[in-house]
N, C-alpha and C. Protein backbone atom coordinates (compact mmCIF):
# COMPACT_ATOMS: atom_id res chain seq x y z
N MET A 1 89.99 69.26 99.12
CA MET A 1 90.40 69.68 97.78
C MET A 1 90.63 68.45 96.89
N PRO A 2 90.26 68.54 95.61
CA PRO A 2 90.58 67.44 94.69
C PRO A 2 92.09 67.29 94.54
N THR A 3 92.51 66.12 94.05
CA THR A 3 93.93 65.81 93.91
C THR A 3 94.21 65.26 92.51
N LEU A 4 95.20 65.81 91.84
CA LEU A 4 95.68 65.26 90.58
C LEU A 4 96.92 64.41 90.89
N SER A 5 96.86 63.12 90.56
CA SER A 5 97.98 62.21 90.82
C SER A 5 98.46 61.59 89.52
N ASN A 6 99.78 61.51 89.38
CA ASN A 6 100.39 60.86 88.21
C ASN A 6 101.35 59.78 88.72
N TYR A 7 101.28 58.62 88.07
CA TYR A 7 102.10 57.47 88.46
C TYR A 7 102.84 56.95 87.23
N TRP A 8 104.14 56.68 87.42
CA TRP A 8 104.95 56.07 86.37
C TRP A 8 105.46 54.73 86.89
N PHE A 9 105.19 53.67 86.11
CA PHE A 9 105.50 52.30 86.53
C PHE A 9 106.71 51.75 85.76
N LYS A 10 107.58 51.06 86.47
CA LYS A 10 108.79 50.51 85.85
C LYS A 10 108.46 49.46 84.81
N ASP A 11 107.38 48.69 85.03
CA ASP A 11 107.04 47.59 84.13
C ASP A 11 105.76 47.91 83.35
N THR A 12 105.55 47.19 82.28
CA THR A 12 104.31 47.33 81.51
C THR A 12 103.11 46.92 82.36
N ASP A 13 101.93 47.37 81.94
CA ASP A 13 100.67 46.96 82.58
C ASP A 13 100.58 47.38 84.05
N PHE A 14 101.17 48.54 84.38
CA PHE A 14 101.01 49.14 85.72
C PHE A 14 101.57 48.24 86.83
N ARG A 15 102.83 47.82 86.67
CA ARG A 15 103.45 46.92 87.64
C ARG A 15 104.81 47.43 88.06
N GLY A 16 105.25 46.97 89.23
CA GLY A 16 106.61 47.20 89.68
C GLY A 16 106.84 48.52 90.39
N GLU A 17 108.11 48.91 90.45
CA GLU A 17 108.51 50.14 91.13
C GLU A 17 107.81 51.33 90.48
N THR A 18 107.31 52.24 91.32
CA THR A 18 106.44 53.31 90.84
C THR A 18 106.89 54.65 91.41
N VAL A 19 106.99 55.64 90.53
CA VAL A 19 107.25 57.02 90.93
C VAL A 19 105.92 57.77 90.87
N PHE A 20 105.63 58.58 91.89
CA PHE A 20 104.34 59.28 91.90
C PHE A 20 104.52 60.73 92.27
N LEU A 21 103.55 61.54 91.83
CA LEU A 21 103.46 62.94 92.21
C LEU A 21 102.00 63.30 92.33
N SER A 22 101.61 63.91 93.46
CA SER A 22 100.23 64.31 93.70
C SER A 22 100.18 65.80 94.03
N ILE A 23 99.21 66.49 93.42
CA ILE A 23 99.04 67.92 93.63
C ILE A 23 97.57 68.20 93.94
N GLN A 24 97.30 68.82 95.07
CA GLN A 24 95.94 69.23 95.38
C GLN A 24 95.65 70.59 94.74
N HIS A 25 94.39 70.82 94.40
CA HIS A 25 94.04 72.06 93.73
C HIS A 25 92.60 72.44 94.08
N PRO A 26 92.23 73.72 93.96
CA PRO A 26 90.87 74.14 94.27
C PRO A 26 89.86 73.46 93.35
N SER A 27 88.69 73.18 93.87
CA SER A 27 87.65 72.58 93.04
C SER A 27 87.32 73.50 91.87
N GLY A 28 87.34 72.93 90.67
CA GLY A 28 87.08 73.72 89.47
C GLY A 28 88.30 74.45 88.95
N GLY A 29 89.43 74.38 89.66
CA GLY A 29 90.65 75.05 89.25
C GLY A 29 91.57 74.13 88.46
N TRP A 30 92.60 74.70 87.89
CA TRP A 30 93.56 73.94 87.09
C TRP A 30 94.65 73.34 87.97
N ALA A 31 95.16 72.20 87.51
CA ALA A 31 96.37 71.60 88.08
C ALA A 31 97.09 70.90 86.94
N TRP A 32 98.41 70.88 86.99
CA TRP A 32 99.16 70.20 85.95
C TRP A 32 100.42 69.60 86.54
N ILE A 33 100.89 68.54 85.86
CA ILE A 33 102.10 67.84 86.28
C ILE A 33 103.03 67.76 85.08
N ASN A 34 104.26 68.18 85.26
CA ASN A 34 105.25 68.16 84.19
C ASN A 34 106.46 67.35 84.65
N TRP A 35 106.65 66.18 84.05
CA TRP A 35 107.78 65.33 84.39
C TRP A 35 108.94 65.66 83.44
N SER A 36 110.06 66.05 83.99
CA SER A 36 111.21 66.38 83.15
C SER A 36 112.00 65.14 82.73
N ASN A 37 111.94 64.07 83.54
CA ASN A 37 112.71 62.86 83.21
C ASN A 37 112.03 61.67 83.87
N ILE A 38 111.38 60.82 83.06
CA ILE A 38 110.67 59.68 83.62
C ILE A 38 111.56 58.45 83.74
N GLY A 39 112.78 58.49 83.19
CA GLY A 39 113.68 57.36 83.31
C GLY A 39 113.18 56.12 82.57
N GLU A 40 113.54 54.96 83.10
CA GLU A 40 113.17 53.69 82.46
C GLU A 40 111.81 53.23 82.96
N LYS A 41 110.75 53.81 82.44
CA LYS A 41 109.39 53.46 82.84
C LYS A 41 108.63 52.93 81.62
N ARG A 42 107.68 52.02 81.89
CA ARG A 42 107.01 51.33 80.80
C ARG A 42 105.50 51.56 80.74
N SER A 43 104.91 52.18 81.75
CA SER A 43 103.47 52.48 81.72
C SER A 43 103.19 53.63 82.69
N THR A 44 102.05 54.28 82.49
CA THR A 44 101.74 55.45 83.31
C THR A 44 100.24 55.54 83.54
N LEU A 45 99.86 56.23 84.62
CA LEU A 45 98.47 56.42 84.98
C LEU A 45 98.30 57.82 85.57
N THR A 46 97.30 58.56 85.10
CA THR A 46 96.95 59.84 85.69
C THR A 46 95.52 59.76 86.21
N TRP A 47 95.31 60.24 87.43
CA TRP A 47 94.00 60.10 88.06
C TRP A 47 93.62 61.42 88.74
N GLU A 48 92.45 61.94 88.36
CA GLU A 48 91.89 63.10 89.04
C GLU A 48 91.00 62.58 90.17
N ARG A 49 91.45 62.78 91.41
CA ARG A 49 90.82 62.17 92.57
C ARG A 49 89.88 63.16 93.25
N GLU A 50 88.64 62.74 93.43
CA GLU A 50 87.63 63.63 94.00
C GLU A 50 87.90 63.93 95.48
N ASP A 51 87.37 65.06 95.90
CA ASP A 51 87.55 65.49 97.28
C ASP A 51 86.89 64.52 98.26
N ARG A 52 85.83 63.82 97.85
CA ARG A 52 85.12 62.91 98.75
C ARG A 52 85.81 61.54 98.89
N GLU A 53 86.90 61.35 98.20
CA GLU A 53 87.62 60.06 98.25
C GLU A 53 88.09 59.74 99.67
N VAL A 54 87.89 58.46 100.06
CA VAL A 54 88.46 57.95 101.31
C VAL A 54 89.38 56.78 100.95
N THR A 55 90.50 56.67 101.65
CA THR A 55 91.47 55.63 101.32
C THR A 55 91.87 54.84 102.57
N TYR A 56 92.32 53.61 102.33
CA TYR A 56 92.75 52.71 103.40
C TYR A 56 94.08 52.08 102.99
N ASP A 57 95.12 52.34 103.78
CA ASP A 57 96.44 51.76 103.54
C ASP A 57 96.40 50.30 103.99
N LEU A 58 96.31 49.37 103.05
CA LEU A 58 96.06 47.97 103.38
C LEU A 58 97.24 47.31 104.09
N VAL A 59 98.46 47.70 103.76
CA VAL A 59 99.62 47.13 104.44
C VAL A 59 99.60 47.48 105.92
N SER A 60 99.30 48.74 106.23
CA SER A 60 99.24 49.15 107.64
C SER A 60 98.08 48.49 108.38
N LEU A 61 96.95 48.35 107.70
CA LEU A 61 95.77 47.78 108.34
C LEU A 61 95.93 46.30 108.65
N LEU A 62 96.48 45.53 107.72
CA LEU A 62 96.51 44.08 107.88
C LEU A 62 97.73 43.57 108.65
N ASN A 63 98.79 44.38 108.76
CA ASN A 63 99.94 43.96 109.56
C ASN A 63 99.70 44.31 111.03
N ASN A 64 98.69 43.69 111.60
CA ASN A 64 98.41 43.87 113.03
C ASN A 64 98.53 42.51 113.72
N PRO A 65 98.79 42.48 115.02
CA PRO A 65 99.06 41.21 115.70
C PRO A 65 97.96 40.18 115.54
N LEU A 66 96.69 40.58 115.53
CA LEU A 66 95.60 39.62 115.42
C LEU A 66 95.65 38.88 114.09
N VAL A 67 95.76 39.62 112.99
CA VAL A 67 95.80 38.99 111.67
C VAL A 67 97.06 38.14 111.52
N LEU A 68 98.21 38.67 111.95
CA LEU A 68 99.46 37.93 111.80
C LEU A 68 99.44 36.63 112.61
N ASN A 69 98.94 36.68 113.82
CA ASN A 69 98.88 35.47 114.65
C ASN A 69 97.94 34.43 114.06
N LEU A 70 96.82 34.87 113.50
CA LEU A 70 95.89 33.93 112.89
C LEU A 70 96.49 33.27 111.65
N ILE A 71 97.19 34.04 110.84
CA ILE A 71 97.85 33.47 109.66
C ILE A 71 98.94 32.50 110.10
N ASP A 72 99.75 32.90 111.06
CA ASP A 72 100.84 32.03 111.53
C ASP A 72 100.32 30.69 112.05
N SER A 73 99.20 30.72 112.74
CA SER A 73 98.67 29.49 113.32
C SER A 73 98.04 28.57 112.28
N SER A 74 97.88 29.07 111.05
CA SER A 74 97.23 28.28 110.01
C SER A 74 98.20 27.65 109.03
N LEU A 75 99.51 27.87 109.22
CA LEU A 75 100.47 27.50 108.17
C LEU A 75 101.20 26.20 108.42
N GLY A 76 100.89 25.49 109.47
CA GLY A 76 101.55 24.21 109.70
C GLY A 76 103.03 24.37 109.91
N ASP A 77 103.85 23.65 109.11
CA ASP A 77 105.30 23.67 109.27
C ASP A 77 105.95 24.94 108.73
N ALA A 78 105.24 25.71 107.95
CA ALA A 78 105.81 26.92 107.36
C ALA A 78 105.84 28.03 108.38
N GLN A 79 106.96 28.73 108.48
CA GLN A 79 107.12 29.86 109.39
C GLN A 79 107.19 31.15 108.56
N ARG A 80 106.31 32.08 108.86
CA ARG A 80 106.33 33.36 108.15
C ARG A 80 107.60 34.13 108.53
N THR A 81 108.29 34.67 107.53
CA THR A 81 109.55 35.36 107.78
C THR A 81 109.54 36.81 107.28
N SER A 82 108.38 37.34 106.97
CA SER A 82 108.29 38.74 106.53
C SER A 82 106.94 39.30 106.95
N ASP A 83 106.82 40.60 106.89
CA ASP A 83 105.51 41.23 107.05
C ASP A 83 104.64 40.90 105.84
N LEU A 84 103.35 41.20 105.95
CA LEU A 84 102.45 41.00 104.82
C LEU A 84 102.66 42.10 103.80
N ARG A 85 102.66 41.71 102.55
CA ARG A 85 102.68 42.67 101.44
C ARG A 85 101.31 42.60 100.77
N ILE A 86 100.73 43.76 100.47
CA ILE A 86 99.45 43.79 99.77
C ILE A 86 99.61 44.71 98.56
N GLY A 87 99.85 44.10 97.41
CA GLY A 87 99.99 44.83 96.17
C GLY A 87 98.84 44.51 95.23
N TRP A 88 98.93 45.03 94.01
CA TRP A 88 97.92 44.65 93.03
C TRP A 88 98.55 43.80 91.94
N VAL A 89 97.71 43.03 91.25
CA VAL A 89 98.17 42.20 90.15
C VAL A 89 97.08 42.20 89.07
N PRO A 90 97.41 42.56 87.81
CA PRO A 90 96.43 42.47 86.73
C PRO A 90 96.06 41.01 86.47
N ARG A 91 94.84 40.82 85.99
CA ARG A 91 94.33 39.46 85.79
C ARG A 91 95.26 38.61 84.92
N LYS A 92 95.86 39.20 83.89
CA LYS A 92 96.69 38.43 82.98
C LYS A 92 97.94 37.86 83.65
N TYR A 93 98.29 38.35 84.85
CA TYR A 93 99.46 37.86 85.58
C TYR A 93 99.10 37.02 86.81
N LEU A 94 97.83 36.65 86.94
CA LEU A 94 97.45 35.77 88.04
C LEU A 94 98.14 34.42 87.90
N PRO A 95 98.40 33.75 89.02
CA PRO A 95 99.09 32.45 88.96
C PRO A 95 98.16 31.29 88.58
N TYR A 96 96.97 31.60 88.08
CA TYR A 96 96.02 30.59 87.64
C TYR A 96 95.14 31.19 86.55
N SER A 97 94.42 30.37 85.84
CA SER A 97 93.57 30.84 84.75
C SER A 97 92.35 31.57 85.30
N SER A 98 92.00 32.70 84.66
CA SER A 98 90.86 33.49 85.11
C SER A 98 90.29 34.24 83.91
N SER A 99 88.98 34.17 83.72
CA SER A 99 88.35 34.83 82.59
C SER A 99 87.91 36.24 82.98
N GLY A 100 88.03 37.16 82.03
CA GLY A 100 87.66 38.55 82.27
C GLY A 100 88.65 39.48 81.62
N GLY A 101 88.57 40.77 81.94
CA GLY A 101 89.48 41.74 81.36
C GLY A 101 90.92 41.49 81.76
N ALA A 102 91.82 41.53 80.79
CA ALA A 102 93.23 41.19 81.04
C ALA A 102 93.88 42.09 82.08
N LEU A 103 93.45 43.34 82.16
CA LEU A 103 94.06 44.30 83.09
C LEU A 103 93.18 44.59 84.29
N ASP A 104 92.11 43.80 84.51
CA ASP A 104 91.36 43.91 85.76
C ASP A 104 92.31 43.69 86.93
N LEU A 105 92.22 44.54 87.95
CA LEU A 105 93.16 44.47 89.06
C LEU A 105 92.60 43.67 90.23
N PHE A 106 93.45 42.80 90.77
CA PHE A 106 93.18 42.05 91.99
C PHE A 106 94.21 42.47 93.04
N LEU A 107 93.91 42.21 94.30
CA LEU A 107 94.90 42.37 95.36
C LEU A 107 95.66 41.07 95.52
N ARG A 108 96.96 41.19 95.81
CA ARG A 108 97.77 40.01 96.12
C ARG A 108 98.39 40.20 97.50
N LEU A 109 97.92 39.41 98.45
CA LEU A 109 98.49 39.39 99.80
C LEU A 109 99.59 38.34 99.80
N SER A 110 100.80 38.75 100.11
CA SER A 110 101.96 37.87 99.97
C SER A 110 102.88 37.99 101.17
N PHE A 111 103.57 36.90 101.50
CA PHE A 111 104.58 36.94 102.55
C PHE A 111 105.58 35.81 102.32
N ASN A 112 106.78 35.99 102.88
CA ASN A 112 107.83 34.97 102.76
C ASN A 112 107.69 33.93 103.86
N PHE A 113 108.21 32.73 103.59
CA PHE A 113 108.17 31.67 104.60
C PHE A 113 109.45 30.85 104.56
N HIS A 114 109.65 30.11 105.65
CA HIS A 114 110.80 29.19 105.78
C HIS A 114 110.28 27.87 106.33
N ILE A 115 110.80 26.77 105.81
CA ILE A 115 110.47 25.44 106.33
C ILE A 115 111.77 24.71 106.64
N SER A 116 111.92 24.28 107.88
CA SER A 116 113.07 23.49 108.29
C SER A 116 112.87 22.03 107.88
N THR A 117 113.95 21.38 107.52
CA THR A 117 113.89 19.99 107.04
C THR A 117 114.88 19.12 107.82
N PRO A 118 114.76 17.80 107.71
CA PRO A 118 115.77 16.91 108.31
C PRO A 118 117.16 17.18 107.73
N TRP A 119 118.17 16.70 108.39
CA TRP A 119 119.55 17.02 108.03
C TRP A 119 119.91 16.63 106.60
N TYR A 120 119.22 15.63 106.07
CA TYR A 120 119.58 15.13 104.74
C TYR A 120 118.93 15.92 103.61
N CYS A 121 118.18 16.99 103.94
CA CYS A 121 117.59 17.87 102.93
C CYS A 121 117.95 19.33 103.25
N SER A 122 117.94 20.14 102.23
CA SER A 122 118.14 21.56 102.45
C SER A 122 116.83 22.21 102.90
N ASP A 123 116.93 23.24 103.74
CA ASP A 123 115.73 23.96 104.14
C ASP A 123 115.08 24.64 102.93
N ALA A 124 113.81 24.97 103.07
CA ALA A 124 113.07 25.60 101.97
C ALA A 124 112.69 27.03 102.33
N ASP A 125 112.83 27.93 101.38
CA ASP A 125 112.43 29.32 101.53
C ASP A 125 111.62 29.73 100.31
N GLY A 126 110.55 30.47 100.53
CA GLY A 126 109.71 30.88 99.41
C GLY A 126 108.71 31.92 99.81
N HIS A 127 107.64 32.03 99.03
CA HIS A 127 106.58 32.99 99.34
C HIS A 127 105.22 32.36 99.07
N ILE A 128 104.23 32.83 99.81
CA ILE A 128 102.84 32.38 99.68
C ILE A 128 102.01 33.59 99.25
N ASP A 129 101.12 33.37 98.29
CA ASP A 129 100.26 34.44 97.78
C ASP A 129 98.79 34.07 97.93
N TYR A 130 98.00 35.04 98.35
CA TYR A 130 96.54 34.92 98.31
C TYR A 130 96.00 36.03 97.42
N ILE A 131 95.18 35.67 96.46
CA ILE A 131 94.60 36.63 95.54
C ILE A 131 93.21 37.02 96.03
N ILE A 132 92.94 38.32 96.12
CA ILE A 132 91.69 38.83 96.69
C ILE A 132 91.00 39.73 95.68
N ALA A 133 89.71 39.51 95.50
CA ALA A 133 88.89 40.36 94.63
C ALA A 133 87.99 41.22 95.50
N CYS A 134 88.06 42.54 95.31
CA CYS A 134 87.16 43.46 95.99
C CYS A 134 86.12 43.97 95.01
N PHE A 135 84.95 44.30 95.50
CA PHE A 135 83.86 44.69 94.61
C PHE A 135 82.81 45.49 95.38
N LEU A 136 81.95 46.18 94.63
CA LEU A 136 80.75 46.80 95.17
C LEU A 136 79.55 45.99 94.69
N ASP A 137 78.65 45.62 95.61
CA ASP A 137 77.46 44.89 95.19
C ASP A 137 76.41 45.86 94.65
N SER A 138 75.25 45.36 94.34
CA SER A 138 74.21 46.17 93.70
C SER A 138 73.73 47.32 94.58
N THR A 139 73.98 47.24 95.88
CA THR A 139 73.56 48.31 96.79
C THR A 139 74.67 49.32 97.06
N GLY A 140 75.88 49.08 96.50
CA GLY A 140 77.01 49.96 96.76
C GLY A 140 77.79 49.60 98.00
N THR A 141 77.54 48.40 98.55
CA THR A 141 78.27 47.93 99.73
C THR A 141 79.54 47.20 99.30
N VAL A 142 80.64 47.43 100.02
CA VAL A 142 81.92 46.82 99.67
C VAL A 142 81.94 45.35 100.09
N GLY A 143 82.43 44.51 99.18
CA GLY A 143 82.64 43.10 99.49
C GLY A 143 84.03 42.67 99.05
N ALA A 144 84.49 41.55 99.55
CA ALA A 144 85.80 41.01 99.15
C ALA A 144 85.76 39.50 99.31
N ARG A 145 86.44 38.81 98.41
CA ARG A 145 86.53 37.35 98.52
C ARG A 145 87.95 36.90 98.17
N VAL A 146 88.38 35.84 98.81
CA VAL A 146 89.66 35.23 98.46
C VAL A 146 89.43 34.43 97.18
N ASP A 147 90.06 34.86 96.09
CA ASP A 147 89.80 34.30 94.77
C ASP A 147 90.72 33.13 94.44
N GLY A 148 91.89 33.07 95.04
CA GLY A 148 92.82 31.99 94.73
C GLY A 148 94.07 32.06 95.57
N TRP A 149 94.99 31.16 95.33
CA TRP A 149 96.21 31.09 96.13
C TRP A 149 97.33 30.47 95.30
N ALA A 150 98.55 30.66 95.77
CA ALA A 150 99.72 30.07 95.11
C ALA A 150 100.90 30.10 96.08
N PHE A 151 101.91 29.31 95.77
CA PHE A 151 103.16 29.38 96.53
C PHE A 151 104.30 29.00 95.61
N ASP A 152 105.50 29.40 96.01
CA ASP A 152 106.70 29.05 95.27
C ASP A 152 107.85 28.99 96.27
N TYR A 153 108.77 28.07 96.08
CA TYR A 153 109.89 27.96 97.01
C TYR A 153 111.09 27.34 96.33
N ASP A 154 112.24 27.55 96.95
CA ASP A 154 113.49 26.90 96.57
C ASP A 154 113.98 26.08 97.76
N GLY A 155 114.72 25.01 97.48
CA GLY A 155 115.25 24.17 98.54
C GLY A 155 114.43 22.90 98.71
N GLY A 156 114.76 22.15 99.77
CA GLY A 156 114.07 20.90 100.04
C GLY A 156 114.71 19.69 99.41
N GLY A 157 115.74 19.90 98.60
CA GLY A 157 116.38 18.77 97.95
C GLY A 157 117.35 18.05 98.88
N PRO A 158 117.72 16.81 98.54
CA PRO A 158 117.26 16.10 97.35
C PRO A 158 116.00 15.24 97.55
N PHE A 159 115.52 15.11 98.78
CA PHE A 159 114.47 14.13 99.04
C PHE A 159 113.16 14.70 99.59
N CYS A 160 113.11 15.99 99.94
CA CYS A 160 111.97 16.50 100.71
C CYS A 160 111.00 17.38 99.94
N THR A 161 111.25 17.64 98.66
CA THR A 161 110.39 18.57 97.94
C THR A 161 108.96 18.05 97.82
N GLY A 162 108.80 16.75 97.60
CA GLY A 162 107.45 16.19 97.48
C GLY A 162 106.65 16.38 98.75
N GLU A 163 107.26 16.11 99.90
CA GLU A 163 106.57 16.26 101.18
C GLU A 163 106.27 17.72 101.46
N ILE A 164 107.22 18.61 101.15
CA ILE A 164 106.99 20.04 101.37
C ILE A 164 105.81 20.52 100.53
N SER A 165 105.79 20.15 99.25
CA SER A 165 104.69 20.58 98.37
C SER A 165 103.36 20.04 98.84
N ASN A 166 103.35 18.78 99.28
CA ASN A 166 102.09 18.19 99.76
C ASN A 166 101.56 18.95 100.97
N ARG A 167 102.44 19.30 101.89
CA ARG A 167 102.00 20.01 103.09
C ARG A 167 101.53 21.42 102.77
N LEU A 168 102.23 22.09 101.86
CA LEU A 168 101.80 23.43 101.48
C LEU A 168 100.48 23.39 100.71
N ASN A 169 100.30 22.38 99.88
CA ASN A 169 99.04 22.24 99.15
C ASN A 169 97.85 22.01 100.08
N SER A 170 98.12 21.59 101.29
CA SER A 170 97.07 21.44 102.29
C SER A 170 96.94 22.70 103.16
N ALA A 171 98.09 23.21 103.64
CA ALA A 171 98.07 24.31 104.60
C ALA A 171 97.66 25.63 103.97
N VAL A 172 98.14 25.93 102.76
CA VAL A 172 97.87 27.24 102.16
C VAL A 172 96.38 27.44 101.88
N PRO A 173 95.71 26.53 101.15
CA PRO A 173 94.26 26.73 100.99
C PRO A 173 93.50 26.56 102.30
N GLY A 174 94.08 25.81 103.24
CA GLY A 174 93.42 25.62 104.52
C GLY A 174 93.29 26.90 105.33
N ALA A 175 94.12 27.91 105.01
CA ALA A 175 94.07 29.18 105.73
C ALA A 175 93.11 30.18 105.10
N ILE A 176 92.49 29.81 103.98
CA ILE A 176 91.61 30.75 103.28
C ILE A 176 90.44 31.16 104.17
N GLY A 177 89.85 30.23 104.89
CA GLY A 177 88.72 30.55 105.76
C GLY A 177 89.06 31.60 106.79
N THR A 178 90.26 31.47 107.40
CA THR A 178 90.70 32.45 108.39
C THR A 178 90.89 33.82 107.75
N LEU A 179 91.50 33.84 106.57
CA LEU A 179 91.72 35.11 105.88
C LEU A 179 90.40 35.75 105.48
N GLN A 180 89.48 34.95 104.96
CA GLN A 180 88.18 35.49 104.56
C GLN A 180 87.45 36.07 105.77
N GLU A 181 87.56 35.41 106.89
CA GLU A 181 86.92 35.89 108.12
C GLU A 181 87.46 37.26 108.51
N GLN A 182 88.77 37.45 108.39
CA GLN A 182 89.36 38.74 108.74
C GLN A 182 88.96 39.84 107.76
N LEU A 183 88.85 39.48 106.48
CA LEU A 183 88.38 40.45 105.49
C LEU A 183 86.96 40.89 105.81
N ASP A 184 86.12 39.94 106.17
CA ASP A 184 84.73 40.27 106.50
C ASP A 184 84.66 41.18 107.73
N ILE A 185 85.53 40.93 108.72
CA ILE A 185 85.55 41.77 109.92
C ILE A 185 85.97 43.19 109.56
N PHE A 186 87.02 43.30 108.74
CA PHE A 186 87.48 44.63 108.34
C PHE A 186 86.39 45.39 107.58
N LEU A 187 85.76 44.73 106.62
CA LEU A 187 84.72 45.40 105.84
C LEU A 187 83.50 45.70 106.70
N GLY A 188 83.29 44.89 107.73
CA GLY A 188 82.18 45.15 108.64
C GLY A 188 82.33 46.46 109.38
N LEU A 189 83.58 46.93 109.53
CA LEU A 189 83.81 48.21 110.20
C LEU A 189 83.24 49.38 109.39
N LEU A 190 83.03 49.14 108.09
CA LEU A 190 82.42 50.18 107.25
C LEU A 190 80.91 50.22 107.41
N GLY A 191 80.38 49.23 108.12
CA GLY A 191 78.93 49.16 108.31
C GLY A 191 78.22 48.93 106.99
N ARG A 192 77.05 49.54 106.86
CA ARG A 192 76.29 49.43 105.61
C ARG A 192 76.49 50.65 104.75
N ARG A 193 77.61 51.32 104.92
CA ARG A 193 77.89 52.52 104.14
C ARG A 193 77.91 52.17 102.65
N GLN A 194 77.41 53.06 101.83
CA GLN A 194 77.31 52.81 100.40
C GLN A 194 78.29 53.69 99.64
N PHE A 195 78.79 53.15 98.53
CA PHE A 195 79.81 53.83 97.74
C PHE A 195 79.44 53.78 96.26
N ASP A 196 79.95 54.78 95.53
CA ASP A 196 79.71 54.85 94.09
C ASP A 196 80.83 54.21 93.28
N LEU A 197 82.03 54.15 93.84
CA LEU A 197 83.18 53.65 93.08
C LEU A 197 84.22 53.07 94.02
N LEU A 198 84.85 51.97 93.59
CA LEU A 198 85.94 51.32 94.31
C LEU A 198 87.12 51.22 93.35
N TYR A 199 88.30 51.58 93.83
CA TYR A 199 89.50 51.44 93.00
C TYR A 199 90.72 51.34 93.92
N TYR A 200 91.87 51.09 93.33
CA TYR A 200 93.12 50.98 94.09
C TYR A 200 94.06 52.10 93.68
N LEU A 201 94.93 52.50 94.61
CA LEU A 201 95.94 53.51 94.35
C LEU A 201 97.30 53.01 94.84
N PRO A 202 98.37 53.36 94.15
CA PRO A 202 99.70 52.92 94.59
C PRO A 202 100.07 53.42 95.98
N GLY A 203 100.86 52.63 96.67
CA GLY A 203 101.42 53.04 97.96
C GLY A 203 100.37 53.36 99.00
N SER A 204 100.58 54.45 99.71
CA SER A 204 99.68 54.87 100.78
C SER A 204 98.66 55.91 100.31
N ALA A 205 98.54 56.07 98.98
CA ALA A 205 97.56 56.99 98.38
C ALA A 205 97.78 58.43 98.82
N GLU A 206 99.04 58.84 98.85
CA GLU A 206 99.36 60.21 99.25
C GLU A 206 98.62 61.24 98.39
N LYS A 207 98.17 62.30 99.01
CA LYS A 207 97.44 63.34 98.29
C LYS A 207 98.29 64.58 98.02
N ALA A 208 99.54 64.56 98.42
CA ALA A 208 100.43 65.68 98.15
C ALA A 208 101.87 65.19 98.15
N GLY A 209 102.68 65.76 97.25
CA GLY A 209 104.09 65.44 97.23
C GLY A 209 104.43 64.31 96.28
N SER A 210 105.69 63.93 96.27
CA SER A 210 106.19 62.91 95.37
C SER A 210 106.93 61.84 96.15
N GLY A 211 107.20 60.72 95.49
CA GLY A 211 107.91 59.63 96.14
C GLY A 211 107.94 58.40 95.26
N THR A 212 108.36 57.30 95.84
CA THR A 212 108.40 56.02 95.13
C THR A 212 107.75 54.94 95.98
N THR A 213 107.20 53.96 95.32
CA THR A 213 106.62 52.80 95.99
C THR A 213 106.71 51.64 95.01
N ASN A 214 106.25 50.48 95.40
CA ASN A 214 106.20 49.32 94.51
C ASN A 214 104.81 48.73 94.59
N VAL A 215 104.06 48.82 93.50
CA VAL A 215 102.67 48.38 93.53
C VAL A 215 102.54 46.87 93.61
N ASN A 216 103.64 46.13 93.41
CA ASN A 216 103.59 44.69 93.65
C ASN A 216 103.46 44.38 95.13
N ASP A 217 103.86 45.35 95.97
CA ASP A 217 103.95 45.11 97.41
C ASP A 217 103.05 46.00 98.26
N ARG A 218 102.65 47.16 97.73
CA ARG A 218 101.87 48.08 98.58
C ARG A 218 100.91 48.92 97.75
N VAL A 219 99.63 48.77 98.03
CA VAL A 219 98.60 49.62 97.43
C VAL A 219 97.55 49.94 98.50
N SER A 220 96.71 50.92 98.19
CA SER A 220 95.63 51.32 99.08
C SER A 220 94.29 51.10 98.40
N LEU A 221 93.28 50.84 99.21
CA LEU A 221 91.90 50.75 98.74
C LEU A 221 91.31 52.16 98.78
N ALA A 222 90.68 52.58 97.68
CA ALA A 222 90.06 53.90 97.59
C ALA A 222 88.56 53.74 97.29
N LEU A 223 87.75 54.59 97.92
CA LEU A 223 86.30 54.52 97.76
C LEU A 223 85.71 55.92 97.66
N LEU A 224 84.66 56.04 96.86
CA LEU A 224 83.91 57.29 96.77
C LEU A 224 82.55 57.08 97.43
N PRO A 225 82.32 57.69 98.61
CA PRO A 225 81.03 57.51 99.30
C PRO A 225 79.89 58.17 98.53
N ARG A 226 78.69 57.63 98.71
CA ARG A 226 77.50 58.25 98.13
C ARG A 226 77.10 59.46 98.96
């Protein structure tokens, strides 16, 4: 059955904490959503989702021991201290310059880290982000590439911030090859299947009921097969 989904976002440009409601309905039949109180919300999205839609919960898929161990082994002195978060980010909020539509959506794979320092410096805590672009090629086959990276942290003072930044500037981009390899393996599971449309949905892409999620941290990949 097709699904009518409505999403209300706490922040402008489809960001932040999100309230959702999804209602399935007969093909060709009516469905409607009436929100009595949207609260402090700044943007909204309504999507009529086709019955042929297939979805993939990216947080559940990528938080597996193989991917986590590969990422951990690529980070040098940084120790991952959280699960992977896979949210979306509009182009205008990327941590680097990028040309194109301001609200084009990218995936942001993010996790927290900790770095221990010598006694004369404070330890450092922060987060690492990898920006991923997904696309359909001319044949309708799904592709993905690691488009960029960033990190941010607090601590390391008064003498260790330079060394910490230097090591992260080496280790973070150094893990891109491993991440790209895992993306290619995941997409390879789809084989040469062809699709008409690729898009993202908040949370786990529920097709019935209501709830809350945060699109900065959790989104699903959605595809319409040919």
